[in-house]
Every structure is written in structure tokens, then in C-alpha cells.
C-alpha atoms as a PDB file:
ATOM      1  CA  MET A   1      59.091  29.372  68.935  1.00  0.00           C
ATOM      2  CA  GLU A   2      59.791  27.487  65.250  1.00  0.00           C
ATOM      3  CA  ASP A   3      64.151  27.241  63.883  1.00  0.00           C
ATOM      4  CA  VAL A   4      64.116  28.943  61.393  1.00  0.00           C
ATOM      5  CA  LEU A   5      68.254  27.657  60.988  1.00  0.00           C
ATOM      6  CA  ASP A   6      69.602  25.153  58.849  1.00  0.00           C
ATOM      7  CA  ALA A   7      72.827  26.370  58.362  1.00  0.00           C
ATOM      8  CA  GLU A   8      75.478  23.704  59.490  1.00  0.00           C
ATOM      9  CA  ASP A   9      77.618  24.336  63.064  1.00  0.00           C
ATOM     10  CA  LYS A  10      81.019  24.201  62.366  1.00  0.00           C
ATOM     11  CA  TRP A  11      84.104  24.776  64.127  1.00  0.00           C
ATOM     12  CA  THR A  12      88.045  25.822  63.208  1.00  0.00           C
ATOM     13  CA  THR A  13      91.101  26.847  65.072  1.00  0.00           C
ATOM     14  CA  ALA A  14      92.682  30.383  64.551  1.00  0.00           C
ATOM     15  CA  LYS A  15      95.617  31.598  66.353  1.00  0.00           C
ATOM     16  CA  SER A  16      94.725  29.168  68.980  1.00  0.00           C
ATOM     17  CA  LEU A  17      91.472  29.898  69.383  1.00  0.00           C
ATOM     18  CA  ASN A  18      88.171  27.522  68.832  1.00  0.00           C
ATOM     19  CA  VAL A  19      86.619  28.935  66.784  1.00  0.00           C
ATOM     20  CA  HIS A  20      82.708  28.391  65.637  1.00  0.00           C
ATOM     21  CA  TYR A  21      80.989  29.557  62.756  1.00  0.00           C
ATOM     22  CA  LEU A  22      77.242  28.911  61.162  1.00  0.00           C
ATOM     23  CA  ASP A  23      78.189  27.451  57.423  1.00  0.00           C
ATOM     24  CA  TRP A  24      74.606  28.257  54.965  1.00  0.00           C
ATOM     25  CA  GLY A  25      76.588  25.859  52.186  1.00  0.00           C
ATOM     26  CA  ASN A  26      76.038  26.760  48.672  1.00  0.00           C
ATOM     27  CA  PRO A  27      80.173  26.630  48.719  1.00  0.00           C
ATOM     28  CA  SER A  28      80.015  27.005  44.607  1.00  0.00           C
ATOM     29  CA  ALA A  29      78.450  30.179  44.788  1.00  0.00           C
ATOM     30  CA  PRO A  30      80.610  33.990  45.750  1.00  0.00           C
ATOM     31  CA  ALA A  31      82.079  33.930  49.290  1.00  0.00           C
ATOM     32  CA  MET A  32      80.055  36.177  52.026  1.00  0.00           C
ATOM     33  CA  LEU A  33      81.688  36.445  55.528  1.00  0.00           C
ATOM     34  CA  LEU A  34      79.195  38.340  57.571  1.00  0.00           C
ATOM     35  CA  LEU A  35      81.113  39.881  61.583  1.00  0.00           C
ATOM     36  CA  HIS A  36      78.363  40.616  64.371  1.00  0.00           C
ATOM     37  CA  GLY A  37      79.232  43.322  66.758  1.00  0.00           C
ATOM     38  CA  LEU A  38      79.705  43.574  70.549  1.00  0.00           C
ATOM     39  CA  CYS A  39      78.566  40.777  73.043  1.00  0.00           C
ATOM     40  CA  GLY A  40      76.237  39.533  69.951  1.00  0.00           C
ATOM     41  CA  ASN A  41      76.953  36.089  68.012  1.00  0.00           C
ATOM     42  CA  ALA A  42      76.877  34.443  64.968  1.00  0.00           C
ATOM     43  CA  HIS A  43      72.886  34.133  64.635  1.00  0.00           C
ATOM     44  CA  TYR A  44      72.156  37.688  64.674  1.00  0.00           C
ATOM     45  CA  TRP A  45      72.846  36.957  60.818  1.00  0.00           C
ATOM     46  CA  ASP A  46      70.327  34.643  60.451  1.00  0.00           C
ATOM     47  CA  PHE A  47      67.303  36.215  58.766  1.00  0.00           C
ATOM     48  CA  PHE A  48      69.739  37.953  56.213  1.00  0.00           C
ATOM     49  CA  ALA A  49      71.821  34.831  55.632  1.00  0.00           C
ATOM     50  CA  GLN A  50      68.812  32.727  54.777  1.00  0.00           C
ATOM     51  CA  ARG A  51      67.765  35.415  52.491  1.00  0.00           C
ATOM     52  CA  VAL A  52      70.849  35.199  50.733  1.00  0.00           C
ATOM     53  CA  ARG A  53      72.349  31.968  50.581  1.00  0.00           C
ATOM     54  CA  GLN A  54      70.913  30.894  47.264  1.00  0.00           C
ATOM     55  CA  ASP A  55      73.147  33.808  45.908  1.00  0.00           C
ATOM     56  CA  TYR A  56      76.369  33.383  48.196  1.00  0.00           C
ATOM     57  CA  HIS A  57      78.113  31.091  50.252  1.00  0.00           C
ATOM     58  CA  VAL A  58      77.494  32.804  53.647  1.00  0.00           C
ATOM     59  CA  LEU A  59      79.716  31.796  56.714  1.00  0.00           C
ATOM     60  CA  VAL A  60      79.141  33.351  60.353  1.00  0.00           C
ATOM     61  CA  PRO A  61      81.772  33.239  62.906  1.00  0.00           C
ATOM     62  CA  ASP A  62      81.523  34.016  66.431  1.00  0.00           C
ATOM     63  CA  LEU A  63      83.850  36.348  67.294  1.00  0.00           C
ATOM     64  CA  ARG A  64      86.663  35.594  70.418  1.00  0.00           C
ATOM     65  CA  GLY A  65      84.873  35.105  73.867  1.00  0.00           C
ATOM     66  CA  HIS A  66      81.030  35.584  71.764  1.00  0.00           C
ATOM     67  CA  GLY A  67      78.590  32.888  71.266  1.00  0.00           C
ATOM     68  CA  ASP A  68      80.208  29.456  70.902  1.00  0.00           C
ATOM     69  CA  SER A  69      84.196  30.555  70.316  1.00  0.00           C
ATOM     70  CA  SER A  70      86.692  30.508  72.805  1.00  0.00           C
ATOM     71  CA  TRP A  71      87.089  32.879  75.381  1.00  0.00           C
ATOM     72  CA  ALA A  72      89.953  34.601  75.254  1.00  0.00           C
ATOM     73  CA  ALA A  73      92.419  37.047  77.554  1.00  0.00           C
ATOM     74  CA  SER A  74      92.094  40.740  75.910  1.00  0.00           C
ATOM     75  CA  TYR A  75      89.392  41.679  73.677  1.00  0.00           C
ATOM     76  CA  GLY A  76      90.647  44.697  71.682  1.00  0.00           C
ATOM     77  CA  PRO A  77      90.546  45.848  68.016  1.00  0.00           C
ATOM     78  CA  ARG A  78      94.375  44.383  66.633  1.00  0.00           C
ATOM     79  CA  ASP A  79      92.591  40.736  68.371  1.00  0.00           C
ATOM     80  CA  TYR A  80      89.734  40.906  65.917  1.00  0.00           C
ATOM     81  CA  VAL A  81      91.436  41.630  63.295  1.00  0.00           C
ATOM     82  CA  LEU A  82      94.394  38.921  63.481  1.00  0.00           C
ATOM     83  CA  ASP A  83      91.691  36.147  64.455  1.00  0.00           C
ATOM     84  CA  LEU A  84      89.528  37.367  60.805  1.00  0.00           C
ATOM     85  CA  GLU A  85      93.038  36.922  59.083  1.00  0.00           C
ATOM     86  CA  ALA A  86      93.792  33.601  61.030  1.00  0.00           C
ATOM     87  CA  PHE A  87      90.309  32.552  60.509  1.00  0.00           C
ATOM     88  CA  VAL A  88      90.406  33.500  56.350  1.00  0.00           C
ATOM     89  CA  ASP A  89      93.615  31.680  56.575  1.00  0.00           C
ATOM     90  CA  GLU A  90      92.261  28.515  58.103  1.00  0.00           C
ATOM     91  CA  ILE A  91      89.277  27.781  56.074  1.00  0.00           C
ATOM     92  CA  GLY A  92      90.890  28.646  52.976  1.00  0.00           C
ATOM     93  CA  MET A  93      88.560  31.671  51.551  1.00  0.00           C
ATOM     94  CA  SER A  94      90.720  33.513  48.650  1.00  0.00           C
ATOM     95  CA  SER A  95      88.283  36.363  48.348  1.00  0.00           C
ATOM     96  CA  THR A  96      84.509  37.501  49.972  1.00  0.00           C
ATOM     97  CA  VAL A  97      82.254  40.315  50.293  1.00  0.00           C
ATOM     98  CA  LEU A  98      82.950  41.531  53.348  1.00  0.00           C
ATOM     99  CA  VAL A  99      79.982  42.946  56.427  1.00  0.00           C
ATOM    100  CA  GLY A 100      80.591  43.848  59.566  1.00  0.00           C
ATOM    101  CA  HIS A 101      78.396  45.484  62.042  1.00  0.00           C
ATOM    102  CA  SER A 102      79.178  47.676  64.846  1.00  0.00           C
ATOM    103  CA  ILE A 103      82.446  46.383  66.534  1.00  0.00           C
ATOM    104  CA  SER A 104      82.784  44.333  63.322  1.00  0.00           C
ATOM    105  CA  GLY A 105      82.693  47.576  61.448  1.00  0.00           C
ATOM    106  CA  ILE A 106      85.890  48.079  62.819  1.00  0.00           C
ATOM    107  CA  THR A 107      87.916  44.745  62.523  1.00  0.00           C
ATOM    108  CA  ALA A 108      85.997  44.910  58.444  1.00  0.00           C
ATOM    109  CA  ILE A 109      87.978  48.721  57.588  1.00  0.00           C
ATOM    110  CA  ALA A 110      91.408  47.575  58.983  1.00  0.00           C
ATOM    111  CA  TYR A 111      91.183  43.802  57.632  1.00  0.00           C
ATOM    112  CA  ALA A 112      90.266  45.599  54.505  1.00  0.00           C
ATOM    113  CA  ALA A 113      93.014  47.902  54.978  1.00  0.00           C
ATOM    114  CA  ARG A 114      95.361  45.530  55.455  1.00  0.00           C
ATOM    115  CA  GLN A 115      94.165  42.376  53.099  1.00  0.00           C
ATOM    116  CA  PRO A 116      93.299  44.432  49.911  1.00  0.00           C
ATOM    117  CA  ASP A 117      93.145  41.535  47.816  1.00  0.00           C
ATOM    118  CA  ARG A 118      90.861  39.432  50.206  1.00  0.00           C
ATOM    119  CA  VAL A 119      87.973  41.526  50.121  1.00  0.00           C
ATOM    120  CA  SER A 120      85.789  42.127  46.835  1.00  0.00           C
ATOM    121  CA  LYS A 121      83.239  44.790  48.558  1.00  0.00           C
ATOM    122  CA  LEU A 122      82.698  45.758  51.599  1.00  0.00           C
ATOM    123  CA  THR A 123      79.872  46.826  53.691  1.00  0.00           C
ATOM    124  CA  ILE A 124      80.596  48.973  56.799  1.00  0.00           C
ATOM    125  CA  VAL A 125      77.112  48.492  59.629  1.00  0.00           C
ATOM    126  CA  ASP A 126      76.228  51.711  61.024  1.00  0.00           C
ATOM    127  CA  ILE A 127      80.008  52.358  62.800  1.00  0.00           C
ATOM    128  CA  GLY A 128      82.471  54.913  61.992  1.00  0.00           C
ATOM    129  CA  PRO A 129      86.190  56.548  63.363  1.00  0.00           C
ATOM    130  CA  GLU A 130      83.954  58.557  65.639  1.00  0.00           C
ATOM    131  CA  ILE A 131      81.015  57.366  67.472  1.00  0.00           C
ATOM    132  CA  ALA A 132      78.469  59.854  68.761  1.00  0.00           C
ATOM    133  CA  ALA A 133      79.005  60.741  72.723  1.00  0.00           C
ATOM    134  CA  VAL A 134      75.026  59.909  73.078  1.00  0.00           C
ATOM    135  CA  GLY A 135      75.594  56.616  71.931  1.00  0.00           C
ATOM    136  CA  ALA A 136      78.618  55.763  73.129  1.00  0.00           C
ATOM    137  CA  GLN A 137      77.763  56.081  76.761  1.00  0.00           C
ATOM    138  CA  ARG A 138      74.377  54.853  76.172  1.00  0.00           C
ATOM    139  CA  LEU A 139      76.436  51.355  75.603  1.00  0.00           C
ATOM    140  CA  GLN A 140      78.287  52.011  78.035  1.00  0.00           C
ATOM    141  CA  GLU A 141      75.629  52.489  80.499  1.00  0.00           C
ATOM    142  CA  GLU A 142      74.216  49.052  79.042  1.00  0.00           C
ATOM    143  CA  LEU A 143      77.226  46.899  79.318  1.00  0.00           C
ATOM    144  CA  ALA A 144      77.938  48.238  82.845  1.00  0.00           C
ATOM    145  CA  ARG A 145      73.652  47.353  83.613  1.00  0.00           C
ATOM    146  CA  GLN A 146      73.839  43.974  81.560  1.00  0.00           C
ATOM    147  CA  PRO A 147      71.883  41.113  84.244  1.00  0.00           C
ATOM    148  CA  GLU A 148      74.413  38.078  84.818  1.00  0.00           C
ATOM    149  CA  THR A 149      71.310  35.508  84.707  1.00  0.00           C
ATOM    150  CA  PHE A 150      67.510  35.881  84.326  1.00  0.00           C
ATOM    151  CA  ASP A 151      65.051  32.938  86.209  1.00  0.00           C
ATOM    152  CA  SER A 152      63.070  33.057  82.692  1.00  0.00           C
ATOM    153  CA  GLU A 153      63.238  32.794  79.075  1.00  0.00           C
ATOM    154  CA  GLU A 154      60.115  35.336  79.525  1.00  0.00           C
ATOM    155  CA  LYS A 155      62.127  37.744  81.641  1.00  0.00           C
ATOM    156  CA  ALA A 156      64.859  37.381  79.004  1.00  0.00           C
ATOM    157  CA  ILE A 157      62.875  38.839  76.288  1.00  0.00           C
ATOM    158  CA  ALA A 158      61.747  41.377  78.586  1.00  0.00           C
ATOM    159  CA  TYR A 159      64.913  43.104  78.636  1.00  0.00           C
ATOM    160  CA  MET A 160      65.991  42.347  75.547  1.00  0.00           C
ATOM    161  CA  LYS A 161      62.915  44.313  73.834  1.00  0.00           C
ATOM    162  CA  LEU A 162      63.918  47.082  76.132  1.00  0.00           C
ATOM    163  CA  LEU A 163      67.307  47.011  74.523  1.00  0.00           C
ATOM    164  CA  GLU A 164      65.695  46.439  70.747  1.00  0.00           C
ATOM    165  CA  PRO A 165      62.290  48.528  70.396  1.00  0.00           C
ATOM    166  CA  ARG A 166      62.115  48.545  67.133  1.00  0.00           C
ATOM    167  CA  GLN A 167      63.042  45.075  66.329  1.00  0.00           C
ATOM    168  CA  SER A 168      60.070  42.523  65.838  1.00  0.00           C
ATOM    169  CA  ASP A 169      58.665  39.852  68.492  1.00  0.00           C
ATOM    170  CA  THR A 170      60.211  37.046  66.302  1.00  0.00           C
ATOM    171  CA  TYR A 171      63.640  38.584  65.976  1.00  0.00           C
ATOM    172  CA  VAL A 172      64.168  39.328  70.092  1.00  0.00           C
ATOM    173  CA  GLN A 173      63.166  35.778  70.670  1.00  0.00           C
ATOM    174  CA  GLN A 174      65.179  34.306  67.985  1.00  0.00           C
ATOM    175  CA  GLN A 175      68.161  36.769  70.094  1.00  0.00           C
ATOM    176  CA  VAL A 176      66.879  35.127  73.357  1.00  0.00           C
ATOM    177  CA  LYS A 177      67.366  31.535  72.189  1.00  0.00           C
ATOM    178  CA  TYR A 178      70.830  31.533  70.631  1.00  0.00           C
ATOM    179  CA  ALA A 179      72.670  34.598  73.144  1.00  0.00           C
ATOM    180  CA  LEU A 180      71.821  32.145  76.309  1.00  0.00           C
ATOM    181  CA  LYS A 181      72.825  29.134  77.884  1.00  0.00           C
ATOM    182  CA  THR A 182      71.434  27.409  81.376  1.00  0.00           C
ATOM    183  CA  ASP A 183      73.753  27.451  84.171  1.00  0.00           C
ATOM    184  CA  ASP A 184      74.052  24.668  86.770  1.00  0.00           C
ATOM    185  CA  LEU A 185      71.345  25.994  88.179  1.00  0.00           C
ATOM    186  CA  GLY A 186      68.858  26.218  86.165  1.00  0.00           C
ATOM    187  CA  ARG A 187      68.824  30.127  85.081  1.00  0.00           C
ATOM    188  CA  LEU A 188      69.756  31.864  81.800  1.00  0.00           C
ATOM    189  CA  ARG A 189      73.026  33.574  81.452  1.00  0.00           C
ATOM    190  CA  PHE A 190      74.703  34.978  78.332  1.00  0.00           C
ATOM    191  CA  LYS A 191      77.086  33.182  76.357  1.00  0.00           C
ATOM    192  CA  HIS A 192      79.459  35.829  76.567  1.00  0.00           C
ATOM    193  CA  ASP A 193      82.445  36.706  78.365  1.00  0.00           C
ATOM    194  CA  ARG A 194      81.374  38.755  81.392  1.00  0.00           C
ATOM    195  CA  ALA A 195      84.920  40.509  80.323  1.00  0.00           C
ATOM    196  CA  LEU A 196      83.576  41.959  77.288  1.00  0.00           C
ATOM    197  CA  CYS A 197      81.093  44.621  79.536  1.00  0.00           C
ATOM    198  CA  ASP A 198      84.321  46.319  80.410  1.00  0.00           C
ATOM    199  CA  THR A 199      84.921  47.290  77.304  1.00  0.00           C
ATOM    200  CA  GLN A 200      85.611  50.901  77.007  1.00  0.00           C
ATOM    201  CA  VAL A 201      82.880  52.826  74.206  1.00  0.00           C
ATOM    202  CA  ARG A 202      85.340  55.184  72.457  1.00  0.00           C
ATOM    203  CA  SER A 203      85.825  56.456  68.833  1.00  0.00           C
ATOM    204  CA  PRO A 204      88.557  54.800  67.156  1.00  0.00           C
ATOM    205  CA  GLU A 205      89.950  58.122  65.232  1.00  0.00           C
ATOM    206  CA  TRP A 206      92.824  56.011  63.862  1.00  0.00           C
ATOM    207  CA  LEU A 207      90.476  54.715  61.203  1.00  0.00           C
ATOM    208  CA  TRP A 208      90.205  57.498  59.753  1.00  0.00           C
ATOM    209  CA  GLU A 209      93.678  55.981  57.904  1.00  0.00           C
ATOM    210  CA  TYR A 210      92.545  52.879  57.461  1.00  0.00           C
ATOM    211  CA  LEU A 211      89.835  54.038  55.369  1.00  0.00           C
ATOM    212  CA  GLU A 212      92.094  55.459  52.826  1.00  0.00           C
ATOM    213  CA  GLN A 213      93.684  52.113  51.854  1.00  0.00           C
ATOM    214  CA  VAL A 214      90.407  50.521  51.872  1.00  0.00           C
ATOM    215  CA  VAL A 215      90.409  50.122  48.000  1.00  0.00           C
ATOM    216  CA  CYS A 216      87.255  47.625  47.537  1.00  0.00           C
ATOM    217  CA  PRO A 217      84.586  49.180  46.918  1.00  0.00           C
ATOM    218  CA  THR A 218      82.796  49.902  49.924  1.00  0.00           C
ATOM    219  CA  LEU A 219      79.377  51.069  51.497  1.00  0.00           C
ATOM    220  CA  VAL A 220      78.594  52.990  54.281  1.00  0.00           C
ATOM    221  CA  VAL A 221      75.318  52.110  56.446  1.00  0.00           C
ATOM    222  CA  HIS A 222      73.625  54.175  58.051  1.00  0.00           C
ATOM    223  CA  GLY A 223      70.661  53.796  60.451  1.00  0.00           C
ATOM    224  CA  VAL A 224      68.677  57.244  60.445  1.00  0.00           C
ATOM    225  CA  GLU A 225      67.351  56.669  63.782  1.00  0.00           C
ATOM    226  CA  SER A 226      71.008  55.909  65.145  1.00  0.00           C
ATOM    227  CA  ASP A 227      72.802  57.555  68.139  1.00  0.00           C
ATOM    228  CA  MET A 228      75.604  56.142  67.343  1.00  0.00           C
ATOM    229  CA  LEU A 229      76.884  56.805  63.743  1.00  0.00           C
ATOM    230  CA  LEU A 230      75.958  60.329  62.624  1.00  0.00           C
ATOM    231  CA  ALA A 231      74.771  61.155  59.074  1.00  0.00           C
ATOM    232  CA  GLU A 232      77.950  63.814  58.465  1.00  0.00           C
ATOM    233  CA  VAL A 233      80.170  60.894  59.822  1.00  0.00           C
ATOM    234  CA  ALA A 234      79.062  58.357  57.419  1.00  0.00           C
ATOM    235  CA  LEU A 235      79.191  61.465  54.525  1.00  0.00           C
ATOM    236  CA  LYS A 236      82.645  62.062  55.718  1.00  0.00           C
ATOM    237  CA  MET A 237      83.866  58.234  55.397  1.00  0.00           C
ATOM    238  CA  ARG A 238      81.786  58.039  52.125  1.00  0.00           C
ATOM    239  CA  ASP A 239      84.257  60.640  50.966  1.00  0.00           C
ATOM    240  CA  LYS A 240      87.732  59.330  52.510  1.00  0.00           C
ATOM    241  CA  LEU A 241      87.139  56.064  51.046  1.00  0.00           C
ATOM    242  CA  PRO A 242      88.720  55.721  47.540  1.00  0.00           C
ATOM    243  CA  PHE A 243      85.681  53.830  46.412  1.00  0.00           C
ATOM    244  CA  GLY A 244      82.873  54.563  48.859  1.00  0.00           C
ATOM    245  CA  SER A 245      79.211  55.307  49.266  1.00  0.00           C
ATOM    246  CA  THR A 246      76.487  55.875  51.657  1.00  0.00           C
ATOM    247  CA  VAL A 247      72.855  55.111  52.474  1.00  0.00           C
ATOM    248  CA  ASP A 248      70.541  56.180  55.202  1.00  0.00           C
ATOM    249  CA  ILE A 249      67.504  53.345  56.109  1.00  0.00           C
ATOM    250  CA  GLU A 250      64.492  54.466  57.729  1.00  0.00           C
ATOM    251  CA  GLY A 251      62.973  52.971  61.198  1.00  0.00           C
ATOM    252  CA  ALA A 252      66.488  51.784  61.866  1.00  0.00           C
ATOM    253  CA  GLY A 253      68.862  52.060  64.655  1.00  0.00           C
ATOM    254  CA  HIS A 254      71.836  51.256  65.346  1.00  0.00           C
ATOM    255  CA  SER A 255      70.907  47.570  64.684  1.00  0.00           C
ATOM    256  CA  VAL A 256      70.061  48.147  60.962  1.00  0.00           C
ATOM    257  CA  PRO A 257      70.258  44.730  60.128  1.00  0.00           C
ATOM    258  CA  ARG A 258      67.255  43.645  62.766  1.00  0.00           C
ATOM    259  CA  ASP A 259      65.782  46.987  63.001  1.00  0.00           C
ATOM    260  CA  ASN A 260      64.451  47.145  59.081  1.00  0.00           C
ATOM    261  CA  PRO A 261      65.667  43.589  57.722  1.00  0.00           C
ATOM    262  CA  LYS A 262      63.840  44.560  54.321  1.00  0.00           C
ATOM    263  CA  GLY A 263      65.035  47.725  53.805  1.00  0.00           C
ATOM    264  CA  PHE A 264      68.610  46.308  54.783  1.00  0.00           C
ATOM    265  CA  GLU A 265      68.009  43.441  52.514  1.00  0.00           C
ATOM    266  CA  VAL A 266      67.564  46.088  49.384  1.00  0.00           C
ATOM    267  CA  VAL A 267      70.554  48.036  49.393  1.00  0.00           C
ATOM    268  CA  ILE A 268      72.832  45.280  50.449  1.00  0.00           C
ATOM    269  CA  ARG A 269      71.584  43.413  47.048  1.00  0.00           C
ATOM    270  CA  ARG A 270      71.539  46.673  45.095  1.00  0.00           C
ATOM    271  CA  PHE A 271      75.359  47.326  46.529  1.00  0.00           C
ATOM    272  CA  LEU A 272      76.648  43.861  45.719  1.00  0.00           C
ATOM    273  CA  SER A 273      74.975  43.719  41.855  1.00  0.00           C
ATOM    274  CA  SER A 274      76.225  47.287  40.685  1.00  0.00           C
ATOM    275  CA  GLY A 275      79.238  47.040  38.599  1.00  0.00           C
ATOM    276  CA  LEU A 276      81.215  49.679  41.040  1.00  0.00           C
ATOM    277  CA  ALA A 277      84.731  48.880  40.669  1.00  0.00           C
ATOM    278  CA  PRO A 278      88.159  50.092  41.271  1.00  0.00           C
ATOM    279  CA  PRO A 279      89.986  50.577  37.197  1.00  0.00           C
ATOM    280  CA  ALA A 280      92.323  48.209  36.538  1.00  0.00           C
ATOM    281  CA  ALA A 281      95.802  47.571  37.394  1.00  0.00           C
ATOM    282  CA  GLY A 282      98.266  49.277  35.230  1.00  0.00           C
END
């Protein structure tokens, strides 16, 4: 397939980890930081980043143990939040629009609560303090069954298509291109640390308290067909947030930005261009 990229691959050190990230250029524009989900990588956001790079300086890191970043001894919410704080310090980012999908939505909420001066607007994509039981079970089973290797790219694409039936062939092929690497025996193997497949999928109910501490305008994005975030939980999140709103996106499951990319872009642009802001201090 034709390469859609013209982002620059960069690396930095954060908390002794070698962190890979994509820099989409336009450094004089407002910063936007995009965070991928469990077992994903920075290229998850390629198509969206290309669409918004004219208006934002888009930076997209690989989480620890994912993509081309270093593996680590532990993978938990605290690890990801501290990594994000260190990454932002290392690259010298003062304030950013922050978008977190799935497990990184959890990270983004905690980060915005801990670093209120560094997040201008926050988007939480299809995750919350309560994860629907059916979605948690599905994800746990997918992690347990994840193949270690594939004999061919065609088999990898077929596997990915089963996991992401709503996504276009172009998106699935692009995912395979950047999620896998060729090992010494010529087989295709996931780049991420296999230890991530041992992640226990549980509701992070402690996030309710953090939501109340997020003082920037925040959008909760819910995929109408999602089995992870229920509509009623998204509404409850909106009500807990000091400056919260929520939106339902049709034709999308948990992977909203790729299931319905046009719909996702429309609601994000609308949110970012809105005048919603917290009252001035004093």
C-alpha cells in the first residue's frame, strides 16, 4: 500500500525509557498530543493527524512497551501518567490539546487532573471509570488469544480484520504495516511487549474522583456501537466534569477514530473551535 506518512520519527528519553514519537510539523501552531490504546502504537493516529496538522503541532508518542518505545518492567496507570509527565517535560511542551483513546483516555484524565496548567482542552475517547462487562471480557479474551507470529502479511491482515470489522481495508493494512516487525525466522511478530497481553481489564473506578479535578473543557466521545463505554456512563462522566460535554458517534465501536474517521474529525473540530472555557481566576 502507498505510504500515507510524512511525519518525522523522533526519540527522547523519559524516566530512563527510550520513547519514540511522531512529529507532524507546524511547530508554531498550538500543540496537540494524541495517545493510543493498549497494544496500539503512534501510527494509530496517522490519518487523523494528517487531517489536523495544518492547524496544530501534532505529536504522537508510543507508550512504554508499545511500537518503537522501550519495554519496561511494569505497565500500569501510574506508569503511563508519570511517563507522560516526563515526556512533556523532555520535549518542553507548556500546554497542549490532549486526546486519549481507551487506556490512554485513563492516562489523559489523570494527567489533566494532576497538571491542570498544561492541558487546554481534553478529549476522552470511549473509556471511563466503568467498563462494560461484555467489553472487558471481549478484550481479555482477545489479549489471551493474540497470536505470537504470522506466517504472512495476508494472515495478519485477516486477523486484524476480524478484530476491527468496521474499519476500511486501507486502515487495517496500515495497522498491520506498523504494528508488526519481521523476526530472525522471517515471521511477522507484534512490536509490543507480550507482557501487555497479561493486562487485567478492570473498571478504573478511582477515575471518578479525578474527573472532578479536570478543570479544562473536556469532551467525552462515545461510539454508539461500543461494548466498552455505555452511553449512561458517558453522560455521568459529563456531569462529573466541571466543564464537560459528550457526543455519540454513529457507526463506531470502541475504536471510534478509525471506525468513523469523518464523524470523529467533525466532532473534534467542533469541540476545539468552541468557545467553551473555564471562568477566569480572581
